[in-house]
C-alpha atoms as a PDB file:
ATOM      1  CA  MET A   1     134.917 253.825  91.798  1.00  0.00           C
ATOM      2  CA  ASN A   2     132.254 251.088  91.853  1.00  0.00           C
ATOM      3  CA  ARG A   3     130.455 250.736  95.179  1.00  0.00           C
ATOM      4  CA  LYS A   4     128.404 247.769  96.312  1.00  0.00           C
ATOM      5  CA  PRO A   5     124.679 248.569  96.666  1.00  0.00           C
ATOM      6  CA  VAL A   6     123.821 249.762 100.167  1.00  0.00           C
ATOM      7  CA  ARG A   7     121.114 247.908 102.082  1.00  0.00           C
ATOM      8  CA  HIS A   8     118.964 249.709 104.648  1.00  0.00           C
ATOM      9  CA  LEU A   9     116.385 248.534 107.168  1.00  0.00           C
ATOM     10  CA  ILE A  10     113.614 251.135 107.270  1.00  0.00           C
ATOM     11  CA  GLU A  11     110.687 248.751 107.696  1.00  0.00           C
ATOM     12  CA  PRO A  12     110.494 244.976 108.153  1.00  0.00           C
ATOM     13  CA  GLU A  13     109.272 244.547 104.562  1.00  0.00           C
ATOM     14  CA  ASP A  14     112.744 245.584 103.396  1.00  0.00           C
ATOM     15  CA  PHE A  15     113.798 242.027 104.278  1.00  0.00           C
ATOM     16  CA  THR A  16     112.323 238.828 102.910  1.00  0.00           C
ATOM     17  CA  ILE A  17     111.074 236.199 105.347  1.00  0.00           C
ATOM     18  CA  GLU A  18     114.251 234.238 104.599  1.00  0.00           C
ATOM     19  CA  GLU A  19     116.391 237.262 105.515  1.00  0.00           C
ATOM     20  CA  LEU A  20     114.424 237.893 108.698  1.00  0.00           C
ATOM     21  CA  ASN A  21     114.918 234.252 109.670  1.00  0.00           C
ATOM     22  CA  GLU A  22     118.620 234.532 108.885  1.00  0.00           C
ATOM     23  CA  VAL A  23     119.010 237.510 111.235  1.00  0.00           C
ATOM     24  CA  VAL A  24     116.971 235.813 113.977  1.00  0.00           C
ATOM     25  CA  GLU A  25     118.997 232.588 113.727  1.00  0.00           C
ATOM     26  CA  LEU A  26     122.283 234.494 113.800  1.00  0.00           C
ATOM     27  CA  GLY A  27     121.044 236.485 116.795  1.00  0.00           C
ATOM     28  CA  LYS A  28     120.313 233.194 118.560  1.00  0.00           C
ATOM     29  CA  LYS A  29     123.840 231.946 117.855  1.00  0.00           C
ATOM     30  CA  MET A  30     125.319 235.212 119.103  1.00  0.00           C
ATOM     31  CA  TYR A  31     123.269 234.991 122.305  1.00  0.00           C
ATOM     32  CA  GLU A  32     124.478 231.441 122.913  1.00  0.00           C
ATOM     33  CA  ALA A  33     128.168 232.147 122.184  1.00  0.00           C
ATOM     34  CA  PRO A  34     128.879 235.908 122.092  1.00  0.00           C
ATOM     35  CA  GLU A  35     132.622 235.458 122.542  1.00  0.00           C
ATOM     36  CA  LYS A  36     132.894 233.987 119.031  1.00  0.00           C
ATOM     37  CA  TYR A  37     131.869 237.318 117.490  1.00  0.00           C
ATOM     38  CA  ALA A  38     133.876 239.684 119.708  1.00  0.00           C
ATOM     39  CA  ALA A  39     136.059 241.101 116.930  1.00  0.00           C
ATOM     40  CA  VAL A  40     134.073 240.713 113.694  1.00  0.00           C
ATOM     41  CA  CYS A  41     133.426 244.490 113.467  1.00  0.00           C
ATOM     42  CA  LYS A  42     136.854 245.650 114.604  1.00  0.00           C
ATOM     43  CA  GLY A  43     137.620 248.994 112.946  1.00  0.00           C
ATOM     44  CA  LYS A  44     133.930 249.664 112.088  1.00  0.00           C
ATOM     45  CA  ILE A  45     132.010 252.677 113.436  1.00  0.00           C
ATOM     46  CA  LEU A  46     128.297 252.921 114.247  1.00  0.00           C
ATOM     47  CA  ALA A  47     126.655 256.377 114.295  1.00  0.00           C
ATOM     48  CA  THR A  48     123.692 256.647 116.678  1.00  0.00           C
ATOM     49  CA  LEU A  49     121.443 259.555 115.642  1.00  0.00           C
ATOM     50  CA  PHE A  50     118.698 259.835 118.240  1.00  0.00           C
ATOM     51  CA  TYR A  51     116.421 262.825 117.735  1.00  0.00           C
ATOM     52  CA  GLU A  52     114.005 261.385 120.316  1.00  0.00           C
ATOM     53  CA  PRO A  53     114.611 259.918 123.798  1.00  0.00           C
ATOM     54  CA  SER A  54     115.528 256.254 123.996  1.00  0.00           C
ATOM     55  CA  THR A  55     116.957 253.855 126.553  1.00  0.00           C
ATOM     56  CA  ARG A  56     116.795 250.263 125.301  1.00  0.00           C
ATOM     57  CA  THR A  57     117.115 250.898 121.570  1.00  0.00           C
ATOM     58  CA  ARG A  58     120.078 253.257 121.845  1.00  0.00           C
ATOM     59  CA  PHE A  59     121.954 251.359 124.534  1.00  0.00           C
ATOM     60  CA  SER A  60     121.313 247.982 122.933  1.00  0.00           C
ATOM     61  CA  PHE A  61     122.703 249.236 119.608  1.00  0.00           C
ATOM     62  CA  GLU A  62     125.739 250.683 121.350  1.00  0.00           C
ATOM     63  CA  THR A  63     126.228 247.482 123.345  1.00  0.00           C
ATOM     64  CA  ALA A  64     125.813 245.430 120.167  1.00  0.00           C
ATOM     65  CA  MET A  65     128.541 247.338 118.324  1.00  0.00           C
ATOM     66  CA  LEU A  66     130.898 247.204 121.293  1.00  0.00           C
ATOM     67  CA  ARG A  67     130.339 243.454 121.672  1.00  0.00           C
ATOM     68  CA  LEU A  68     131.257 243.086 117.992  1.00  0.00           C
ATOM     69  CA  GLY A  69     134.521 244.959 118.574  1.00  0.00           C
ATOM     70  CA  GLY A  70     133.448 248.171 116.834  1.00  0.00           C
ATOM     71  CA  ASN A  71     133.185 251.796 117.941  1.00  0.00           C
ATOM     72  CA  ILE A  72     130.405 254.375 118.349  1.00  0.00           C
ATOM     73  CA  ILE A  73     129.813 258.039 117.601  1.00  0.00           C
ATOM     74  CA  GLY A  74     126.584 260.016 117.691  1.00  0.00           C
ATOM     75  CA  PHE A  75     124.141 261.988 119.794  1.00  0.00           C
ATOM     76  CA  SER A  76     121.247 261.158 122.108  1.00  0.00           C
ATOM     77  CA  ASP A  77     119.868 264.720 122.114  1.00  0.00           C
ATOM     78  CA  ALA A  78     119.462 266.555 118.831  1.00  0.00           C
ATOM     79  CA  ASN A  79     119.854 269.863 120.685  1.00  0.00           C
ATOM     80  CA  THR A  80     123.517 269.042 121.249  1.00  0.00           C
ATOM     81  CA  SER A  81     124.094 268.676 117.494  1.00  0.00           C
ATOM     82  CA  SER A  82     123.924 271.032 114.511  1.00  0.00           C
ATOM     83  CA  VAL A  83     120.263 270.092 114.185  1.00  0.00           C
ATOM     84  CA  SER A  84     119.678 272.835 116.773  1.00  0.00           C
ATOM     85  CA  LYS A  85     121.129 275.258 114.223  1.00  0.00           C
ATOM     86  CA  GLY A  86     118.684 274.149 111.572  1.00  0.00           C
ATOM     87  CA  GLU A  87     120.760 271.549 109.744  1.00  0.00           C
ATOM     88  CA  SER A  88     118.706 269.263 107.529  1.00  0.00           C
ATOM     89  CA  ILE A  89     118.565 265.480 107.819  1.00  0.00           C
ATOM     90  CA  ALA A  90     120.048 265.260 104.311  1.00  0.00           C
ATOM     91  CA  ASP A  91     123.116 267.280 105.272  1.00  0.00           C
ATOM     92  CA  THR A  92     123.550 265.488 108.592  1.00  0.00           C
ATOM     93  CA  ILE A  93     123.476 262.065 106.963  1.00  0.00           C
ATOM     94  CA  ARG A  94     125.836 263.081 104.170  1.00  0.00           C
ATOM     95  CA  CYS A  95     128.420 264.027 106.799  1.00  0.00           C
ATOM     96  CA  MET A  96     127.757 260.932 108.909  1.00  0.00           C
ATOM     97  CA  SER A  97     128.361 258.811 105.810  1.00  0.00           C
ATOM     98  CA  ALA A  98     131.920 260.133 105.776  1.00  0.00           C
ATOM     99  CA  TYR A  99     132.453 259.495 109.502  1.00  0.00           C
ATOM    100  CA  ALA A 100     130.812 256.116 110.114  1.00  0.00           C
ATOM    101  CA  ASP A 101     130.230 252.764 108.404  1.00  0.00           C
ATOM    102  CA  ILE A 102     126.589 252.343 109.473  1.00  0.00           C
ATOM    103  CA  ALA A 103     123.993 254.488 111.261  1.00  0.00           C
ATOM    104  CA  VAL A 104     120.837 254.014 113.317  1.00  0.00           C
ATOM    105  CA  MET A 105     118.311 256.847 113.465  1.00  0.00           C
ATOM    106  CA  ARG A 106     115.360 257.476 115.756  1.00  0.00           C
ATOM    107  CA  HIS A 107     113.144 260.414 114.897  1.00  0.00           C
ATOM    108  CA  PRO A 108     109.741 261.720 116.041  1.00  0.00           C
ATOM    109  CA  LYS A 109     108.645 262.349 112.438  1.00  0.00           C
ATOM    110  CA  GLU A 110     107.385 259.457 110.364  1.00  0.00           C
ATOM    111  CA  GLY A 111     109.524 258.853 107.305  1.00  0.00           C
ATOM    112  CA  ALA A 112     112.662 260.623 108.572  1.00  0.00           C
ATOM    113  CA  PRO A 113     114.903 257.492 108.416  1.00  0.00           C
ATOM    114  CA  LYS A 114     113.575 256.790 104.913  1.00  0.00           C
ATOM    115  CA  LEU A 115     114.549 260.314 103.904  1.00  0.00           C
ATOM    116  CA  ALA A 116     117.998 259.823 105.432  1.00  0.00           C
ATOM    117  CA  SER A 117     118.496 256.624 103.450  1.00  0.00           C
ATOM    118  CA  LEU A 118     118.020 258.553 100.184  1.00  0.00           C
ATOM    119  CA  TYR A 119     121.113 260.652 100.935  1.00  0.00           C
ATOM    120  CA  ALA A 120     123.252 258.024 102.683  1.00  0.00           C
ATOM    121  CA  SER A 121     126.157 256.075 101.280  1.00  0.00           C
ATOM    122  CA  ILE A 122     126.155 253.818 104.378  1.00  0.00           C
ATOM    123  CA  PRO A 123     123.423 251.481 105.698  1.00  0.00           C
ATOM    124  CA  ILE A 124     120.667 253.278 107.629  1.00  0.00           C
ATOM    125  CA  ILE A 125     118.668 251.465 110.315  1.00  0.00           C
ATOM    126  CA  ASN A 126     115.329 252.848 111.446  1.00  0.00           C
ATOM    127  CA  GLY A 127     115.416 252.940 115.252  1.00  0.00           C
ATOM    128  CA  GLY A 128     111.783 254.113 115.374  1.00  0.00           C
ATOM    129  CA  ASP A 129     110.006 256.907 113.499  1.00  0.00           C
ATOM    130  CA  GLY A 130     107.002 258.503 115.159  1.00  0.00           C
ATOM    131  CA  GLY A 131     104.032 256.151 115.324  1.00  0.00           C
ATOM    132  CA  HIS A 132     105.074 254.461 112.096  1.00  0.00           C
ATOM    133  CA  GLN A 133     107.640 251.630 112.292  1.00  0.00           C
ATOM    134  CA  HIS A 134     110.203 250.068 114.631  1.00  0.00           C
ATOM    135  CA  PRO A 135     111.783 247.221 112.640  1.00  0.00           C
ATOM    136  CA  THR A 136     114.593 246.340 115.060  1.00  0.00           C
ATOM    137  CA  GLN A 137     112.079 245.942 117.877  1.00  0.00           C
ATOM    138  CA  THR A 138     110.281 243.554 115.540  1.00  0.00           C
ATOM    139  CA  LEU A 139     113.503 241.559 115.094  1.00  0.00           C
ATOM    140  CA  THR A 140     113.859 241.513 118.885  1.00  0.00           C
ATOM    141  CA  ASP A 141     110.284 240.268 119.188  1.00  0.00           C
ATOM    142  CA  LEU A 142     110.797 237.559 116.577  1.00  0.00           C
ATOM    143  CA  LEU A 143     113.885 236.265 118.392  1.00  0.00           C
ATOM    144  CA  THR A 144     111.979 236.269 121.693  1.00  0.00           C
ATOM    145  CA  ILE A 145     109.113 234.272 120.176  1.00  0.00           C
ATOM    146  CA  LYS A 146     111.605 231.862 118.605  1.00  0.00           C
ATOM    147  CA  MET A 147     113.405 231.319 121.924  1.00  0.00           C
ATOM    148  CA  TYR A 148     110.268 230.690 123.973  1.00  0.00           C
ATOM    149  CA  LYS A 149     107.804 229.184 121.485  1.00  0.00           C
ATOM    150  CA  ARG A 150     110.329 227.419 119.182  1.00  0.00           C
ATOM    151  CA  THR A 151     108.507 228.584 116.074  1.00  0.00           C
ATOM    152  CA  ILE A 152     107.293 232.001 114.957  1.00  0.00           C
ATOM    153  CA  GLU A 153     104.296 230.580 113.097  1.00  0.00           C
ATOM    154  CA  ASN A 154     100.844 229.295 114.057  1.00  0.00           C
ATOM    155  CA  HIS A 155     100.142 231.286 117.219  1.00  0.00           C
ATOM    156  CA  THR A 156      97.211 233.308 118.488  1.00  0.00           C
ATOM    157  CA  VAL A 157      98.732 236.694 119.292  1.00  0.00           C
ATOM    158  CA  ALA A 158      97.019 239.389 121.339  1.00  0.00           C
ATOM    159  CA  PHE A 159      98.068 243.041 121.277  1.00  0.00           C
ATOM    160  CA  CYS A 160      96.905 245.164 124.195  1.00  0.00           C
ATOM    161  CA  GLY A 161      96.996 248.912 124.836  1.00  0.00           C
ATOM    162  CA  ASP A 162      97.841 251.633 122.326  1.00  0.00           C
ATOM    163  CA  LEU A 163      97.268 250.014 118.958  1.00  0.00           C
ATOM    164  CA  LYS A 164      96.667 253.294 117.127  1.00  0.00           C
ATOM    165  CA  PHE A 165     100.003 255.024 117.700  1.00  0.00           C
ATOM    166  CA  GLY A 166     102.168 252.066 118.749  1.00  0.00           C
ATOM    167  CA  ARG A 167     104.962 251.721 116.181  1.00  0.00           C
ATOM    168  CA  THR A 168     106.130 248.477 117.775  1.00  0.00           C
ATOM    169  CA  VAL A 169     102.658 247.008 117.253  1.00  0.00           C
ATOM    170  CA  HIS A 170     102.445 248.239 113.659  1.00  0.00           C
ATOM    171  CA  SER A 171     105.799 246.719 112.717  1.00  0.00           C
ATOM    172  CA  LEU A 172     105.276 243.408 114.490  1.00  0.00           C
ATOM    173  CA  ILE A 173     101.694 242.779 113.418  1.00  0.00           C
ATOM    174  CA  ARG A 174     102.542 243.376 109.737  1.00  0.00           C
ATOM    175  CA  THR A 175     105.493 241.005 110.043  1.00  0.00           C
ATOM    176  CA  LEU A 176     103.686 238.231 111.915  1.00  0.00           C
ATOM    177  CA  ALA A 177     101.009 238.335 109.209  1.00  0.00           C
ATOM    178  CA  ARG A 178     103.729 237.160 106.820  1.00  0.00           C
ATOM    179  CA  TYR A 179     104.464 234.232 109.156  1.00  0.00           C
ATOM    180  CA  ASN A 180     101.141 232.402 108.881  1.00  0.00           C
ATOM    181  CA  THR A 181      99.842 233.609 112.238  1.00  0.00           C
ATOM    182  CA  LYS A 182      96.612 231.905 113.303  1.00  0.00           C
ATOM    183  CA  LYS A 183      94.753 234.890 114.697  1.00  0.00           C
ATOM    184  CA  PHE A 184      95.227 238.393 116.089  1.00  0.00           C
ATOM    185  CA  ILE A 185      93.254 239.551 119.117  1.00  0.00           C
ATOM    186  CA  LEU A 186      93.172 243.343 119.415  1.00  0.00           C
ATOM    187  CA  ILE A 187      92.557 244.678 122.937  1.00  0.00           C
ATOM    188  CA  SER A 188      92.253 248.443 123.262  1.00  0.00           C
ATOM    189  CA  PRO A 189      89.968 251.330 124.162  1.00  0.00           C
ATOM    190  CA  GLU A 190      87.830 252.523 121.276  1.00  0.00           C
ATOM    191  CA  GLU A 191      89.995 255.635 120.832  1.00  0.00           C
ATOM    192  CA  LEU A 192      93.202 253.589 120.391  1.00  0.00           C
ATOM    193  CA  THR A 193      92.144 250.790 118.057  1.00  0.00           C
ATOM    194  CA  LEU A 194      94.391 249.565 115.257  1.00  0.00           C
ATOM    195  CA  PRO A 195      94.129 251.867 112.199  1.00  0.00           C
ATOM    196  CA  ASP A 196      91.461 250.740 109.746  1.00  0.00           C
ATOM    197  CA  SER A 197      93.935 250.728 106.862  1.00  0.00           C
ATOM    198  CA  LEU A 198      96.125 248.229 108.684  1.00  0.00           C
ATOM    199  CA  LYS A 199      93.153 246.058 109.587  1.00  0.00           C
ATOM    200  CA  ARG A 200      92.161 245.938 105.923  1.00  0.00           C
ATOM    201  CA  THR A 201      95.693 244.940 104.958  1.00  0.00           C
ATOM    202  CA  LEU A 202      95.633 242.089 107.466  1.00  0.00           C
ATOM    203  CA  THR A 203      92.255 240.734 106.402  1.00  0.00           C
ATOM    204  CA  GLU A 204      92.330 241.379 102.648  1.00  0.00           C
ATOM    205  CA  ASN A 205      96.000 240.745 101.860  1.00  0.00           C
ATOM    206  CA  PHE A 206      96.775 238.028 104.389  1.00  0.00           C
ATOM    207  CA  GLY A 207      93.393 236.546 105.309  1.00  0.00           C
ATOM    208  CA  ILE A 208      94.141 236.948 109.025  1.00  0.00           C
ATOM    209  CA  GLU A 209      91.307 236.483 111.505  1.00  0.00           C
ATOM    210  CA  LEU A 210      90.914 239.555 113.723  1.00  0.00           C
ATOM    211  CA  GLN A 211      88.993 239.756 116.977  1.00  0.00           C
ATOM    212  CA  GLU A 212      88.543 243.133 118.673  1.00  0.00           C
ATOM    213  CA  VAL A 213      87.665 243.239 122.368  1.00  0.00           C
ATOM    214  CA  ARG A 214      87.835 245.810 125.149  1.00  0.00           C
ATOM    215  CA  TYR A 215      89.001 243.683 128.084  1.00  0.00           C
ATOM    216  CA  ILE A 216      91.863 241.211 128.567  1.00  0.00           C
ATOM    217  CA  GLU A 217      89.725 239.035 130.808  1.00  0.00           C
ATOM    218  CA  ASP A 218      87.370 238.222 127.910  1.00  0.00           C
ATOM    219  CA  VAL A 219      90.079 236.406 125.920  1.00  0.00           C
ATOM    220  CA  ILE A 220      92.956 235.580 128.286  1.00  0.00           C
ATOM    221  CA  GLY A 221      92.454 231.814 127.957  1.00  0.00           C
ATOM    222  CA  GLU A 222      92.840 231.849 124.155  1.00  0.00           C
ATOM    223  CA  ILE A 223      96.175 233.652 123.913  1.00  0.00           C
ATOM    224  CA  ASP A 224      99.572 232.134 123.074  1.00  0.00           C
ATOM    225  CA  ILE A 225     101.469 235.437 123.032  1.00  0.00           C
ATOM    226  CA  LEU A 226     100.281 238.564 124.857  1.00  0.00           C
ATOM    227  CA  TYR A 227     101.995 241.746 123.655  1.00  0.00           C
ATOM    228  CA  MET A 228     101.399 244.568 126.127  1.00  0.00           C
ATOM    229  CA  THR A 229     102.043 248.218 125.280  1.00  0.00           C
ATOM    230  CA  ARG A 230     101.861 251.457 127.225  1.00  0.00           C
ATOM    231  CA  ILE A 231      99.475 254.315 126.540  1.00  0.00           C
ATOM    232  CA  GLN A 232     101.936 256.789 125.028  1.00  0.00           C
ATOM    233  CA  ARG A 233     101.674 260.279 126.459  1.00  0.00           C
ATOM    234  CA  GLU A 234     103.943 261.723 123.742  1.00  0.00           C
ATOM    235  CA  ARG A 235     101.516 260.699 120.970  1.00  0.00           C
ATOM    236  CA  PHE A 236      98.573 262.688 122.422  1.00  0.00           C
ATOM    237  CA  PHE A 237      97.686 266.257 121.535  1.00  0.00           C
ATOM    238  CA  ASN A 238      95.216 266.508 124.404  1.00  0.00           C
ATOM    239  CA  GLU A 239      96.413 265.909 127.986  1.00  0.00           C
ATOM    240  CA  ALA A 240      92.852 265.246 129.146  1.00  0.00           C
ATOM    241  CA  ASP A 241      92.496 262.359 126.678  1.00  0.00           C
ATOM    242  CA  TYR A 242      95.773 260.856 127.879  1.00  0.00           C
ATOM    243  CA  ALA A 243      94.745 261.159 131.546  1.00  0.00           C
ATOM    244  CA  ARG A 244      91.431 259.457 130.797  1.00  0.00           C
ATOM    245  CA  LEU A 245      92.976 256.514 128.958  1.00  0.00           C
ATOM    246  CA  LYS A 246      96.360 255.964 130.637  1.00  0.00           C
ATOM    247  CA  ASP A 247      95.044 253.514 133.234  1.00  0.00           C
ATOM    248  CA  SER A 248      92.767 251.631 130.846  1.00  0.00           C
ATOM    249  CA  TYR A 249      94.626 248.331 131.123  1.00  0.00           C
ATOM    250  CA  LEU A 250      96.609 246.761 133.901  1.00  0.00           C
ATOM    251  CA  LEU A 251      97.803 243.170 133.645  1.00  0.00           C
ATOM    252  CA  SER A 252      97.960 241.662 137.121  1.00  0.00           C
ATOM    253  CA  GLN A 253      98.736 238.236 138.516  1.00  0.00           C
ATOM    254  CA  SER A 254      95.038 237.665 139.184  1.00  0.00           C
ATOM    255  CA  LYS A 255      94.236 238.129 135.481  1.00  0.00           C
ATOM    256  CA  LEU A 256      96.866 235.533 134.560  1.00  0.00           C
ATOM    257  CA  GLN A 257      95.157 232.803 136.590  1.00  0.00           C
ATOM    258  CA  HIS A 258      93.063 231.772 133.593  1.00  0.00           C
ATOM    259  CA  ALA A 259      95.843 232.097 131.010  1.00  0.00           C
ATOM    260  CA  LYS A 260      97.635 229.191 129.339  1.00  0.00           C
ATOM    261  CA  LYS A 261     100.605 227.856 131.266  1.00  0.00           C
ATOM    262  CA  ASP A 262     102.863 228.298 128.244  1.00  0.00           C
ATOM    263  CA  MET A 263     101.576 231.739 127.232  1.00  0.00           C
ATOM    264  CA  ILE A 264     104.279 234.411 127.165  1.00  0.00           C
ATOM    265  CA  VAL A 265     103.859 238.072 128.126  1.00  0.00           C
ATOM    266  CA  MET A 266     105.923 240.472 126.027  1.00  0.00           C
ATOM    267  CA  HIS A 267     106.386 244.238 126.225  1.00  0.00           C
ATOM    268  CA  PRO A 268     108.713 246.520 124.223  1.00  0.00           C
ATOM    269  CA  LEU A 269     109.253 248.661 127.350  1.00  0.00           C
ATOM    270  CA  PRO A 270     109.296 251.155 128.984  1.00  0.00           C
ATOM    271  CA  ARG A 271     106.553 249.971 131.283  1.00  0.00           C
ATOM    272  CA  VAL A 272     104.487 252.649 133.001  1.00  0.00           C
ATOM    273  CA  ASN A 273     101.360 251.223 134.636  1.00  0.00           C
ATOM    274  CA  GLU A 274     100.124 248.499 132.301  1.00  0.00           C
ATOM    275  CA  ILE A 275     101.846 245.513 133.946  1.00  0.00           C
ATOM    276  CA  ALA A 276     101.725 245.108 137.717  1.00  0.00           C
ATOM    277  CA  TYR A 277     105.015 244.314 139.435  1.00  0.00           C
ATOM    278  CA  ASP A 278     103.543 241.065 140.781  1.00  0.00           C
ATOM    279  CA  VAL A 279     103.655 239.732 137.203  1.00  0.00           C
ATOM    280  CA  ASP A 280     107.457 240.052 136.981  1.00  0.00           C
ATOM    281  CA  ASP A 281     108.117 236.801 138.845  1.00  0.00           C
ATOM    282  CA  ASP A 282     105.670 234.796 136.741  1.00  0.00           C
ATOM    283  CA  PRO A 283     107.570 232.444 134.380  1.00  0.00           C
ATOM    284  CA  ARG A 284     105.361 233.658 131.541  1.00  0.00           C
ATOM    285  CA  ALA A 285     106.723 237.220 131.873  1.00  0.00           C
ATOM    286  CA  VAL A 286     109.587 237.439 129.354  1.00  0.00           C
ATOM    287  CA  TYR A 287     109.877 241.180 128.730  1.00  0.00           C
ATOM    288  CA  PHE A 288     113.229 241.668 130.459  1.00  0.00           C
ATOM    289  CA  LYS A 289     114.732 238.736 128.536  1.00  0.00           C
ATOM    290  CA  GLN A 290     113.150 240.292 125.455  1.00  0.00           C
ATOM    291  CA  ALA A 291     115.174 243.467 126.091  1.00  0.00           C
ATOM    292  CA  GLU A 292     118.322 241.348 126.475  1.00  0.00           C
ATOM    293  CA  PHE A 293     117.694 239.506 123.199  1.00  0.00           C
ATOM    294  CA  GLY A 294     117.564 242.909 121.495  1.00  0.00           C
ATOM    295  CA  VAL A 295     121.340 243.271 121.846  1.00  0.00           C
ATOM    296  CA  TYR A 296     122.072 240.020 120.029  1.00  0.00           C
ATOM    297  CA  VAL A 297     119.600 240.427 117.194  1.00  0.00           C
ATOM    298  CA  ARG A 298     120.981 243.932 116.604  1.00  0.00           C
ATOM    299  CA  MET A 299     124.476 242.453 116.544  1.00  0.00           C
ATOM    300  CA  ALA A 300     123.264 240.093 113.836  1.00  0.00           C
ATOM    301  CA  LEU A 301     121.634 242.933 111.891  1.00  0.00           C
ATOM    302  CA  ILE A 302     124.754 245.113 111.999  1.00  0.00           C
ATOM    303  CA  THR A 303     126.909 242.314 110.625  1.00  0.00           C
ATOM    304  CA  LYS A 304     124.394 241.562 107.866  1.00  0.00           C
ATOM    305  CA  LEU A 305     124.132 245.158 106.685  1.00  0.00           C
ATOM    306  CA  LEU A 306     127.892 245.652 106.848  1.00  0.00           C
ATOM    307  CA  GLY A 307     128.481 242.382 105.012  1.00  0.00           C
ATOM    308  CA  VAL A 308     131.155 241.260 107.464  1.00  0.00           C
ATOM    309  CA  ASP A 309     132.247 237.638 107.719  1.00  0.00           C
ATOM    310  CA  VAL A 310     130.694 235.970 110.758  1.00  0.00           C
ATOM    311  CA  THR A 311     131.696 232.381 110.028  1.00  0.00           C
ATOM    312  CA  CYS A 312     133.087 230.990 113.264  1.00  0.00           C
END
């Protein structure tokens, strides 16, 4: 029996710029008129394989499939599955391929979703792997930028916080480099700077201007898009290092006084103590809408990978 080739999304580079734009535009249409797409995945099943805790990614995928008229199976704690008995990723995904039409996997080990894709006969979506990649958060971010800034290109984008281990940062910064971004401003403590290999890729392969600073206040007036991230406790081997760095950056209303009026503040969430609650009511704070947009761009991604007809 001849099968159509299976597409996966393991990292944003798996899609061309044209394909990324296609998913973002479809996500926008789905946000504006979700009722038109309420049955396009009727009879389809999404498997959610979450080996690591998640709130927004897991629930937004589940919401996305339900809004498309599909169904869900899966686990949110690997200890409740046969993984606790020592089952391999290869064996798990072989079985899931018989039960579901598409799967999303989050895993603490870098490369685990890629490994799963080698044994899958259904599309595999990387829902985040260690400190490596988070391509569907990148799609969410691209839709957010599109909605608020009208275009994804030609912005000065600042990333603040954990730039060393932050998979959301790594995915987004590599993708925005493909979109003719003006400049990246990197704001972090010395211990959490962007990996040198990634900085070389940005400068040598894309000719991106990079500026590294230690404090938000030094550059706040230059920024079009401020992408805040938390200092991630789970990525540290030493509790003392985490305790020393966890309060390094706090964005407050007072720091926004010198920012552009049309700057937007983004955050992949969860927030811990890097954005003060007095920022939430500022019109430039878009992180909760960003989380909402994640549902619709994931709806668009599911339909693309399944190859379902979404003409309405």
